Each structure stands twice: as structure tokens, then as C-alpha cells.
Protein backbone atom coordinates (compact mmCIF):
# COMPACT_ATOMS: atom_id res chain seq x y z
CA MET A 1 42.52 103.48 159.08
CA LEU A 2 44.99 100.39 159.64
CA ARG A 3 45.30 100.99 163.04
CA SER A 4 41.34 100.78 163.63
CA VAL A 5 41.27 97.35 161.88
CA ILE A 6 43.75 95.94 164.13
CA LEU A 7 42.53 97.02 167.34
CA ALA A 8 38.83 95.92 166.13
CA THR A 9 40.17 92.05 165.65
CA PHE A 10 41.45 92.48 168.40
CA GLY A 11 38.58 93.80 170.20
CA ILE A 12 36.72 90.62 168.48
CA THR A 13 39.63 87.93 169.16
CA MET A 14 39.42 88.76 173.09
CA LEU A 15 35.60 88.71 173.35
CA ALA A 16 35.75 85.52 171.25
CA GLY A 17 38.51 84.06 173.40
CA CYS A 18 35.83 84.98 176.88
CA ALA A 19 33.44 83.12 175.52
CA VAL A 20 34.71 79.99 175.28
CA THR A 21 34.35 77.32 178.32
CA PRO A 22 37.38 76.05 179.96
CA PRO A 23 37.87 72.41 180.63
CA SER A 24 38.17 71.07 184.26
CA ALA A 25 41.43 71.35 185.87
CA PRO A 26 42.78 68.81 188.31
CA VAL A 27 42.85 69.73 191.84
CA ILE A 28 45.59 68.38 194.23
CA GLN A 29 44.71 68.49 198.21
CA ARG A 30 47.89 70.15 200.00
CA GLU A 31 49.00 70.75 203.58
CA ASN A 32 47.14 73.24 205.76
CA ASN A 33 43.93 73.01 203.97
CA GLN A 34 45.08 74.73 200.57
CA PHE A 35 44.54 73.58 197.14
CA GLU A 36 46.35 73.59 194.05
CA THR A 37 45.13 73.94 190.32
CA THR A 38 46.73 74.84 186.99
CA GLY A 39 44.14 75.63 184.43
CA VAL A 40 45.81 75.92 180.61
CA GLY A 41 44.31 78.19 178.14
CA LYS A 42 45.04 80.20 174.54
CA THR A 43 45.14 83.40 176.58
CA ARG A 44 45.68 84.39 180.35
CA ALA A 45 42.14 85.09 180.69
CA ILE A 46 41.08 81.76 179.46
CA ALA A 47 43.63 79.74 182.02
CA LEU A 48 42.92 81.88 184.62
CA GLN A 49 38.84 81.26 183.98
CA ALA A 50 39.72 77.69 183.70
CA ALA A 51 42.10 77.42 187.46
CA MET A 52 39.42 79.09 189.25
CA ALA A 53 36.39 77.29 188.01
CA SER A 54 37.92 74.39 189.11
CA ALA A 55 38.98 76.21 193.16
CA ASN A 56 35.33 77.64 192.85
CA LYS A 57 33.93 73.82 192.04
CA THR A 58 36.36 72.40 194.76
CA CYS A 59 34.98 75.10 197.67
CA GLY A 60 31.24 74.86 196.69
CA ARG A 61 29.46 76.58 198.20
CA ASN A 62 32.25 78.08 200.37
CA GLN A 63 34.21 80.90 199.75
CA THR A 64 37.25 80.18 197.20
CA ILE A 65 40.72 82.54 198.85
CA VAL A 66 43.54 82.52 196.25
CA VAL A 67 46.71 82.52 198.20
CA LYS A 68 49.08 82.85 195.39
CA ASP A 69 48.66 82.43 191.32
CA GLU A 70 51.93 81.90 189.25
CA VAL A 71 50.91 82.58 185.17
CA LYS A 72 53.68 80.64 183.21
CA TYR A 73 53.92 81.65 178.84
CA ASN A 74 54.70 78.24 176.95
CA GLY A 75 53.95 80.11 173.60
CA MET A 76 56.50 79.17 170.55
CA VAL A 77 57.56 82.88 170.79
CA ASP A 78 57.76 85.37 173.01
CA GLU A 79 54.54 86.53 174.58
CA LYS A 80 54.83 89.91 172.75
CA THR A 81 55.75 89.26 170.11
CA GLY A 82 52.98 86.14 169.54
CA ARG A 83 50.55 88.95 170.27
CA LEU A 84 51.65 91.27 167.63
CA ILE A 85 51.92 88.42 165.15
CA GLU A 86 48.35 87.58 166.07
CA GLN A 87 47.31 91.28 165.66
CA VAL A 88 49.13 91.99 162.21
CA SER A 89 47.72 88.55 160.17
CA GLY A 90 44.02 89.20 162.01
CA ALA A 91 44.27 92.68 160.26
CA ILE A 92 45.82 91.14 156.94
CA GLY A 93 42.65 87.88 157.14
CA VAL A 94 40.36 91.27 157.92
CA LEU A 95 41.49 92.90 154.52
CA THR A 96 42.28 89.91 152.63
CA GLY A 97 39.35 87.85 153.28
CA MET A 98 41.57 84.66 153.73
CA LYS A 99 41.62 82.91 157.04
CA ASN A 100 44.54 84.22 159.20
CA PRO A 101 46.66 81.18 160.59
CA GLN A 102 46.52 80.96 164.42
CA ILE A 103 50.23 80.64 165.92
CA ALA A 104 48.36 80.27 169.55
CA ARG A 105 48.06 76.69 171.05
CA ASP A 106 45.36 75.89 173.16
CA ASP A 107 48.61 75.83 176.17
CA ASP A 108 50.05 78.80 176.07
CA TYR A 109 49.19 79.73 179.45
CA GLU A 110 49.07 77.82 182.56
CA VAL A 111 48.05 79.48 185.66
CA THR A 112 48.73 77.83 188.60
CA VAL A 113 46.70 79.05 191.68
CA THR A 114 46.74 77.77 195.07
CA PHE A 115 43.75 78.16 197.22
CA TYR A 116 41.74 77.20 200.64
CA CYS A 117 37.90 77.82 201.18
CA ARG A 118 36.32 79.64 203.50
């Protein structure tokens, strides 16, 4: 039962996280017609979405070709522990009806994407 509650809470959290529209990240032009942008977010997916939105905006109607991407985690605790704490506190919040504390910050993840337009 508890496992089902934890999985359901995690699924709702993931869906809610994907619905967030990330802010536009600045784009830097590098040599050889390459660009670089860094997206930040509470989750890796949100940070990647922010970086790719900026890359796609830069390329416009041209195709965005990713050369390299790097993920950096800046959370207060290590990544696995942070996810476990979020899941457990979410499950406890569901069971008790109390608002669960959030330890994730909007800048926990940084995804840097190097790309060019074709």
C-alpha cells in the first residue's frame, strides 16, 4: 500500500514538473558556428527543456543539432538522497493531509548544451 502511494505521488510530481514552462536561457555563440546555452531547473528534465527551448529558438526554422550536453547537479544533498526524501515526504503528506516540505530548488540542475543549426 505504501509503495503504491509513493509511486502515485512520484508520478504526479513528475507530471506536474513537466507542465512547467522553463524560462529562456541565454545563448552564447562559440567558434565554428556553434552555440552554447545552459538551462536550470528543479529536475533534470526541466533544465534540459529550458536549454533546448533556447537552442530551438536560436535555430528558428533550422534544425538544432546537439554536439554535446552536460548535466550538473547543485542540490543540497546528493541526487539519490534528495529524490528519496522528496518521495517519502510526498507520501507522508498524502497520508496525513499535510503539505510536504520541498527541498528541491529551481536551480538544482544545470544542463549545458552545445549545438549548431543546420
